[in-house]
Amino acid sequence: LLEEWQAIIDRAAPAARILLRSAHAKPPFLDWITVAPEGKPLAEVVEFETALADHLQQADRVHTYAGFVVAQLKQHAAR
């Protein structure tokens, strides 16, 4: 999982938006993922757009996943 997140960040365009669906309403792994050579917490590299994700989750017509996460890569994110 750490390698997958690092690959996303390494290949993403500046200020890219990341969408994630999960079986968990609030995926716990987002709190312990670290990225970049310094091992930064994910929350230091992306900004979680919780209000937008909650709105989109309510508008979801499929309702397959309990969780919907939207995160935007911060402009100064180290790669």
PDB file of N, CA and C in Angstrom:
ATOM      1  N   LEU A   1       0.820  -1.187   0.000  1.00  0.00           N
ATOM      2  CA  LEU A   1       0.000   0.000   0.000  1.00  0.00           C
ATOM      3  C   LEU A   1       0.872   1.262   0.000  1.00  0.00           C
ATOM      4  N   LEU A   2       1.959   1.217   0.746  1.00  0.00           N
ATOM      5  CA  LEU A   2       2.867   2.366   0.765  1.00  0.00           C
ATOM      6  C   LEU A   2       3.458   2.617  -0.616  1.00  0.00           C
ATOM      7  N   GLU A   3       3.848   1.548  -1.292  1.00  0.00           N
ATOM      8  CA  GLU A   3       4.420   1.683  -2.630  1.00  0.00           C
ATOM      9  C   GLU A   3       3.400   2.224  -3.617  1.00  0.00           C
ATOM     10  N   GLU A   4       2.148   1.820  -3.486  1.00  0.00           N
ATOM     11  CA  GLU A   4       1.100   2.308  -4.386  1.00  0.00           C
ATOM     12  C   GLU A   4       0.888   3.812  -4.201  1.00  0.00           C
ATOM     13  N   TRP A   5       0.809   4.260  -2.956  1.00  0.00           N
ATOM     14  CA  TRP A   5       0.628   5.690  -2.714  1.00  0.00           C
ATOM     15  C   TRP A   5       1.827   6.479  -3.196  1.00  0.00           C
ATOM     16  N   GLN A   6       3.025   5.954  -2.991  1.00  0.00           N
ATOM     17  CA  GLN A   6       4.220   6.654  -3.467  1.00  0.00           C
ATOM     18  C   GLN A   6       4.202   6.750  -4.986  1.00  0.00           C
ATOM     19  N   ALA A   7       3.796   5.691  -5.666  1.00  0.00           N
ATOM     20  CA  ALA A   7       3.730   5.707  -7.129  1.00  0.00           C
ATOM     21  C   ALA A   7       2.710   6.737  -7.621  1.00  0.00           C
ATOM     22  N   ILE A   8       1.579   6.823  -6.949  1.00  0.00           N
ATOM     23  CA  ILE A   8       0.568   7.823  -7.326  1.00  0.00           C
ATOM     24  C   ILE A   8       1.152   9.217  -7.200  1.00  0.00           C
ATOM     25  N   ILE A   9       1.786   9.500  -6.083  1.00  0.00           N
ATOM     26  CA  ILE A   9       2.341  10.828  -5.845  1.00  0.00           C
ATOM     27  C   ILE A   9       3.478  11.138  -6.807  1.00  0.00           C
ATOM     28  N   ASP A  10       4.329  10.154  -7.079  1.00  0.00           N
ATOM     29  CA  ASP A  10       5.454  10.359  -7.991  1.00  0.00           C
ATOM     30  C   ASP A  10       5.006  10.669  -9.414  1.00  0.00           C
ATOM     31  N   ARG A  11       3.881  10.124  -9.832  1.00  0.00           N
ATOM     32  CA  ARG A  11       3.444  10.263 -11.214  1.00  0.00           C
ATOM     33  C   ARG A  11       2.333  11.297 -11.420  1.00  0.00           C
ATOM     34  N   ALA A  12       1.810  11.820 -10.349  1.00  0.00           N
ATOM     35  CA  ALA A  12       0.692  12.760 -10.441  1.00  0.00           C
ATOM     36  C   ALA A  12       1.161  14.134 -10.914  1.00  0.00           C
ATOM     37  N   ALA A  13       0.284  14.800 -11.641  1.00  0.00           N
ATOM     38  CA  ALA A  13       0.546  16.181 -12.038  1.00  0.00           C
ATOM     39  C   ALA A  13       0.469  17.074 -10.800  1.00  0.00           C
ATOM     40  N   PRO A  14       1.108  18.229 -10.830  1.00  0.00           N
ATOM     41  CA  PRO A  14       0.999  19.143  -9.695  1.00  0.00           C
ATOM     42  C   PRO A  14      -0.472  19.460  -9.379  1.00  0.00           C
ATOM     43  N   ALA A  15      -0.807  19.461  -8.132  1.00  0.00           N
ATOM     44  CA  ALA A  15      -2.168  19.749  -7.655  1.00  0.00           C
ATOM     45  C   ALA A  15      -3.201  18.739  -8.169  1.00  0.00           C
ATOM     46  N   ALA A  16      -2.752  17.539  -8.485  1.00  0.00           N
ATOM     47  CA  ALA A  16      -3.670  16.495  -8.955  1.00  0.00           C
ATOM     48  C   ALA A  16      -4.675  16.139  -7.866  1.00  0.00           C
ATOM     49  N   ARG A  17      -5.851  15.722  -8.287  1.00  0.00           N
ATOM     50  CA  ARG A  17      -6.889  15.292  -7.346  1.00  0.00           C
ATOM     51  C   ARG A  17      -6.937  13.764  -7.383  1.00  0.00           C
ATOM     52  N   ILE A  18      -6.990  13.169  -6.203  1.00  0.00           N
ATOM     53  CA  ILE A  18      -7.016  11.716  -6.065  1.00  0.00           C
ATOM     54  C   ILE A  18      -8.380  11.316  -5.512  1.00  0.00           C
ATOM     55  N   LEU A  19      -9.031  10.369  -6.163  1.00  0.00           N
ATOM     56  CA  LEU A  19     -10.315   9.852  -5.710  1.00  0.00           C
ATOM     57  C   LEU A  19     -10.115   8.417  -5.260  1.00  0.00           C
ATOM     58  N   LEU A  20     -10.692   8.088  -4.122  1.00  0.00           N
ATOM     59  CA  LEU A  20     -10.537   6.758  -3.552  1.00  0.00           C
ATOM     60  C   LEU A  20     -11.874   6.304  -2.982  1.00  0.00           C
ATOM     61  N   ARG A  21     -12.264   5.115  -3.325  1.00  0.00           N
ATOM     62  CA  ARG A  21     -13.439   4.503  -2.711  1.00  0.00           C
ATOM     63  C   ARG A  21     -12.951   3.360  -1.836  1.00  0.00           C
ATOM     64  N   SER A  22     -13.656   3.148  -0.724  1.00  0.00           N
ATOM     65  CA  SER A  22     -13.212   2.148   0.230  1.00  0.00           C
ATOM     66  C   SER A  22     -14.402   1.459   0.885  1.00  0.00           C
ATOM     67  N   ALA A  23     -14.184   0.236   1.339  1.00  0.00           N
ATOM     68  CA  ALA A  23     -15.211  -0.472   2.110  1.00  0.00           C
ATOM     69  C   ALA A  23     -15.379   0.172   3.479  1.00  0.00           C
ATOM     70  N   HIS A  24     -14.366   0.916   3.933  1.00  0.00           N
ATOM     71  CA  HIS A  24     -14.424   1.628   5.212  1.00  0.00           C
ATOM     72  C   HIS A  24     -14.962   3.034   4.987  1.00  0.00           C
ATOM     73  N   ALA A  25     -15.881   3.476   5.822  1.00  0.00           N
ATOM     74  CA  ALA A  25     -16.397   4.839   5.714  1.00  0.00           C
ATOM     75  C   ALA A  25     -15.258   5.848   5.868  1.00  0.00           C
ATOM     76  N   LYS A  26     -14.377   5.620   6.810  1.00  0.00           N
ATOM     77  CA  LYS A  26     -13.183   6.452   7.019  1.00  0.00           C
ATOM     78  C   LYS A  26     -11.983   5.519   7.044  1.00  0.00           C
ATOM     79  N   PRO A  27     -11.339   5.266   5.894  1.00  0.00           N
ATOM     80  CA  PRO A  27     -10.243   4.287   5.824  1.00  0.00           C
ATOM     81  C   PRO A  27      -9.127   4.598   6.835  1.00  0.00           C
ATOM     82  N   PRO A  28      -8.896   3.699   7.789  1.00  0.00           N
ATOM     83  CA  PRO A  28      -7.898   3.969   8.832  1.00  0.00           C
ATOM     84  C   PRO A  28      -6.466   4.036   8.309  1.00  0.00           C
ATOM     85  N   PHE A  29      -6.184   3.375   7.205  1.00  0.00           N
ATOM     86  CA  PHE A  29      -4.808   3.359   6.707  1.00  0.00           C
ATOM     87  C   PHE A  29      -4.346   4.737   6.247  1.00  0.00           C
ATOM     88  N   LEU A  30      -5.262   5.645   5.967  1.00  0.00           N
ATOM     89  CA  LEU A  30      -4.862   6.983   5.541  1.00  0.00           C
ATOM     90  C   LEU A  30      -4.115   7.726   6.653  1.00  0.00           C
ATOM     91  N   ASP A  31      -4.315   7.299   7.895  1.00  0.00           N
ATOM     92  CA  ASP A  31      -3.642   7.930   9.029  1.00  0.00           C
ATOM     93  C   ASP A  31      -2.210   7.428   9.243  1.00  0.00           C
ATOM     94  N   TRP A  32      -1.874   6.253   8.722  1.00  0.00           N
ATOM     95  CA  TRP A  32      -0.526   5.732   8.969  1.00  0.00           C
ATOM     96  C   TRP A  32       0.337   5.606   7.719  1.00  0.00           C
ATOM     97  N   ILE A  33      -0.210   5.948   6.556  1.00  0.00           N
ATOM     98  CA  ILE A  33       0.579   5.923   5.313  1.00  0.00           C
ATOM     99  C   ILE A  33       1.650   7.011   5.381  1.00  0.00           C
ATOM    100  N   THR A  34       2.874   6.661   5.003  1.00  0.00           N
ATOM    101  CA  THR A  34       3.950   7.643   4.888  1.00  0.00           C
ATOM    102  C   THR A  34       4.495   7.601   3.468  1.00  0.00           C
ATOM    103  N   VAL A  35       4.939   8.765   2.986  1.00  0.00           N
ATOM    104  CA  VAL A  35       5.431   8.874   1.613  1.00  0.00           C
ATOM    105  C   VAL A  35       6.656   9.777   1.579  1.00  0.00           C
ATOM    106  N   ALA A  36       7.259   9.825   0.439  1.00  0.00           N
ATOM    107  CA  ALA A  36       8.445  10.642   0.174  1.00  0.00           C
ATOM    108  C   ALA A  36       9.649  10.051   0.908  1.00  0.00           C
ATOM    109  N   PRO A  37      10.816  10.432   0.483  1.00  0.00           N
ATOM    110  CA  PRO A  37      12.019   9.882   1.123  1.00  0.00           C
ATOM    111  C   PRO A  37      12.073  10.138   2.632  1.00  0.00           C
ATOM    112  N   GLU A  38      11.439  11.238   3.072  1.00  0.00           N
ATOM    113  CA  GLU A  38      11.485  11.575   4.497  1.00  0.00           C
ATOM    114  C   GLU A  38      10.461  10.807   5.312  1.00  0.00           C
ATOM    115  N   GLY A  39       9.583  10.044   4.671  1.00  0.00           N
ATOM    116  CA  GLY A  39       8.553   9.318   5.401  1.00  0.00           C
ATOM    117  C   GLY A  39       7.497  10.234   5.986  1.00  0.00           C
ATOM    118  N   LYS A  40       7.100  11.247   5.207  1.00  0.00           N
ATOM    119  CA  LYS A  40       6.078  12.194   5.671  1.00  0.00           C
ATOM    120  C   LYS A  40       4.725  11.503   5.776  1.00  0.00           C
ATOM    121  N   PRO A  41       3.939  11.881   6.767  1.00  0.00           N
ATOM    122  CA  PRO A  41       2.557  11.385   6.807  1.00  0.00           C
ATOM    123  C   PRO A  41       1.816  11.847   5.553  1.00  0.00           C
ATOM    124  N   LEU A  42       0.936  11.024   5.054  1.00  0.00           N
ATOM    125  CA  LEU A  42       0.192  11.335   3.837  1.00  0.00           C
ATOM    126  C   LEU A  42      -0.504  12.689   3.937  1.00  0.00           C
ATOM    127  N   ALA A  43      -1.025  13.014   5.102  1.00  0.00           N
ATOM    128  CA  ALA A  43      -1.744  14.278   5.291  1.00  0.00           C
ATOM    129  C   ALA A  43      -0.850  15.508   5.106  1.00  0.00           C
ATOM    130  N   GLU A  44       0.459  15.328   5.122  1.00  0.00           N
ATOM    131  CA  GLU A  44       1.370  16.454   4.849  1.00  0.00           C
ATOM    132  C   GLU A  44       1.583  16.649   3.356  1.00  0.00           C
ATOM    133  N   VAL A  45       1.229  15.651   2.562  1.00  0.00           N
ATOM    134  CA  VAL A  45       1.480  15.693   1.130  1.00  0.00           C
ATOM    135  C   VAL A  45       0.193  15.942   0.338  1.00  0.00           C
ATOM    136  N   VAL A  46      -0.929  15.517   0.892  1.00  0.00           N
ATOM    137  CA  VAL A  46      -2.219  15.750   0.244  1.00  0.00           C
ATOM    138  C   VAL A  46      -3.158  16.459   1.215  1.00  0.00           C
ATOM    139  N   GLU A  47      -4.093  17.196   0.648  1.00  0.00           N
ATOM    140  CA  GLU A  47      -5.128  17.828   1.461  1.00  0.00           C
ATOM    141  C   GLU A  47      -6.421  17.053   1.241  1.00  0.00           C
ATOM    142  N   PHE A  48      -6.959  16.495   2.301  1.00  0.00           N
ATOM    143  CA  PHE A  48      -8.194  15.739   2.206  1.00  0.00           C
ATOM    144  C   PHE A  48      -9.368  16.703   2.117  1.00  0.00           C
ATOM    145  N   GLU A  49     -10.184  16.540   1.099  1.00  0.00           N
ATOM    146  CA  GLU A  49     -11.347  17.394   0.879  1.00  0.00           C
ATOM    147  C   GLU A  49     -12.582  16.668   1.405  1.00  0.00           C
ATOM    148  N   THR A  50     -12.714  16.672   2.715  1.00  0.00           N
ATOM    149  CA  THR A  50     -13.747  15.895   3.395  1.00  0.00           C
ATOM    150  C   THR A  50     -15.159  16.340   3.041  1.00  0.00           C
ATOM    151  N   ALA A  51     -15.400  17.634   3.018  1.00  0.00           N
ATOM    152  CA  ALA A  51     -16.750  18.132   2.706  1.00  0.00           C
ATOM    153  C   ALA A  51     -17.162  17.737   1.292  1.00  0.00           C
ATOM    154  N   LEU A  52     -16.256  17.868   0.338  1.00  0.00           N
ATOM    155  CA  LEU A  52     -16.557  17.481  -1.040  1.00  0.00           C
ATOM    156  C   LEU A  52     -16.804  15.979  -1.127  1.00  0.00           C
ATOM    157  N   ALA A  53     -15.979  15.196  -0.461  1.00  0.00           N
ATOM    158  CA  ALA A  53     -16.145  13.738  -0.489  1.00  0.00           C
ATOM    159  C   ALA A  53     -17.480  13.330   0.125  1.00  0.00           C
ATOM    160  N   ASP A  54     -17.862  13.960   1.230  1.00  0.00           N
ATOM    161  CA  ASP A  54     -19.150  13.646   1.859  1.00  0.00           C
ATOM    162  C   ASP A  54     -20.307  13.975   0.926  1.00  0.00           C
ATOM    163  N   HIS A  55     -20.213  15.112   0.255  1.00  0.00           N
ATOM    164  CA  HIS A  55     -21.263  15.503  -0.696  1.00  0.00           C
ATOM    165  C   HIS A  55     -21.359  14.506  -1.851  1.00  0.00           C
ATOM    166  N   LEU A  56     -20.226  14.133  -2.404  1.00  0.00           N
ATOM    167  CA  LEU A  56     -20.221  13.183  -3.521  1.00  0.00           C
ATOM    168  C   LEU A  56     -20.710  11.805  -3.089  1.00  0.00           C
ATOM    169  N   GLN A  57     -20.365  11.409  -1.872  1.00  0.00           N
ATOM    170  CA  GLN A  57     -20.820  10.110  -1.361  1.00  0.00           C
ATOM    171  C   GLN A  57     -22.345  10.074  -1.280  1.00  0.00           C
ATOM    172  N   GLN A  58     -22.950  11.158  -0.835  1.00  0.00           N
ATOM    173  CA  GLN A  58     -24.413  11.224  -0.744  1.00  0.00           C
ATOM    174  C   GLN A  58     -25.064  11.182  -2.120  1.00  0.00           C
ATOM    175  N   ALA A  59     -24.385  11.721  -3.119  1.00  0.00           N
ATOM    176  CA  ALA A  59     -24.929  11.745  -4.481  1.00  0.00           C
ATOM    177  C   ALA A  59     -24.663  10.451  -5.246  1.00  0.00           C
ATOM    178  N   ASP A  60     -23.861   9.561  -4.669  1.00  0.00           N
ATOM    179  CA  ASP A  60     -23.509   8.297  -5.325  1.00  0.00           C
ATOM    180  C   ASP A  60     -24.763   7.451  -5.529  1.00  0.00           C
ATOM    181  N   ARG A  61     -25.012   7.054  -6.751  1.00  0.00           N
ATOM    182  CA  ARG A  61     -26.213   6.272  -7.043  1.00  0.00           C
ATOM    183  C   ARG A  61     -25.981   4.775  -6.954  1.00  0.00           C
ATOM    184  N   VAL A  62     -24.735   4.355  -6.849  1.00  0.00           N
ATOM    185  CA  VAL A  62     -24.426   2.930  -6.811  1.00  0.00           C
ATOM    186  C   VAL A  62     -24.401   2.390  -5.381  1.00  0.00           C
ATOM    187  N   HIS A  63     -23.850   3.156  -4.456  1.00  0.00           N
ATOM    188  CA  HIS A  63     -23.767   2.800  -3.036  1.00  0.00           C
ATOM    189  C   HIS A  63     -23.055   1.467  -2.790  1.00  0.00           C
ATOM    190  N   THR A  64     -22.015   1.211  -3.573  1.00  0.00           N
ATOM    191  CA  THR A  64     -21.237  -0.006  -3.407  1.00  0.00           C
ATOM    192  C   THR A  64     -20.212   0.141  -2.284  1.00  0.00           C
ATOM    193  N   TYR A  65     -19.692   1.348  -2.103  1.00  0.00           N
ATOM    194  CA  TYR A  65     -18.624   1.577  -1.139  1.00  0.00           C
ATOM    195  C   TYR A  65     -19.119   2.443   0.012  1.00  0.00           C
ATOM    196  N   ALA A  66     -18.657   2.142   1.209  1.00  0.00           N
ATOM    197  CA  ALA A  66     -19.037   2.933   2.383  1.00  0.00           C
ATOM    198  C   ALA A  66     -18.269   4.248   2.448  1.00  0.00           C
ATOM    199  N   GLY A  67     -17.069   4.258   1.881  1.00  0.00           N
ATOM    200  CA  GLY A  67     -16.230   5.442   1.977  1.00  0.00           C
ATOM    201  C   GLY A  67     -15.865   6.022   0.635  1.00  0.00           C
ATOM    202  N   PHE A  68     -15.782   7.329   0.602  1.00  0.00           N
ATOM    203  CA  PHE A  68     -15.373   8.065  -0.592  1.00  0.00           C
ATOM    204  C   PHE A  68     -14.410   9.141  -0.121  1.00  0.00           C
ATOM    205  N   VAL A  69     -13.204   9.151  -0.668  1.00  0.00           N
ATOM    206  CA  VAL A  69     -12.165  10.088  -0.243  1.00  0.00           C
ATOM    207  C   VAL A  69     -11.731  10.898  -1.454  1.00  0.00           C
ATOM    208  N   VAL A  70     -11.615  12.203  -1.249  1.00  0.00           N
ATOM    209  CA  VAL A  70     -11.051  13.093  -2.262  1.00  0.00           C
ATOM    210  C   VAL A  70      -9.854  13.778  -1.615  1.00  0.00           C
ATOM    211  N   ALA A  71      -8.722  13.733  -2.284  1.00  0.00           N
ATOM    212  CA  ALA A  71      -7.514  14.375  -1.778  1.00  0.00           C
ATOM    213  C   ALA A  71      -6.845  15.103  -2.922  1.00  0.00           C
ATOM    214  N   GLN A  72      -6.305  16.273  -2.624  1.00  0.00           N
ATOM    215  CA  GLN A  72      -5.585  17.032  -3.635  1.00  0.00           C
ATOM    216  C   GLN A  72      -4.123  17.110  -3.241  1.00  0.00           C
ATOM    217  N   LEU A  73      -3.259  16.828  -4.197  1.00  0.00           N
ATOM    218  CA  LEU A  73      -1.828  16.897  -3.955  1.00  0.00           C
ATOM    219  C   LEU A  73      -1.443  18.344  -3.657  1.00  0.00           C
ATOM    220  N   LYS A  74      -0.758  18.551  -2.563  1.00  0.00           N
ATOM    221  CA  LYS A  74      -0.336  19.903  -2.211  1.00  0.00           C
ATOM    222  C   LYS A  74       0.733  20.380  -3.181  1.00  0.00           C
ATOM    223  N   GLN A  75       0.723  21.647  -3.458  1.00  0.00           N
ATOM    224  CA  GLN A  75       1.660  22.238  -4.439  1.00  0.00           C
ATOM    225  C   GLN A  75       3.113  21.991  -4.081  1.00  0.00           C
ATOM    226  N   HIS A  76       3.425  21.999  -2.803  1.00  0.00           N
ATOM    227  CA  HIS A  76       4.805  21.873  -2.361  1.00  0.00           C
ATOM    228  C   HIS A  76       5.184  20.437  -2.010  1.00  0.00           C
ATOM    229  N   ALA A  77       4.360  19.483  -2.420  1.00  0.00           N
ATOM    230  CA  ALA A  77       4.620  18.079  -2.058  1.00  0.00           C
ATOM    231  C   ALA A  77       5.958  17.622  -2.613  1.00  0.00           C
ATOM    232  N   ALA A  78       6.764  17.043  -1.757  1.00  0.00           N
ATOM    233  CA  ALA A  78       8.060  16.500  -2.188  1.00  0.00           C
ATOM    234  C   ALA A  78       7.845  15.205  -2.924  1.00  0.00           C
ATOM    235  N   ARG A  79       8.637  14.994  -3.930  1.00  0.00           N
ATOM    236  CA  ARG A  79       8.513  13.765  -4.720  1.00  0.00           C
ATOM    237  C   ARG A  79       9.756  12.933  -4.591  1.00  0.00           C
TER     238      ARG A  79
END
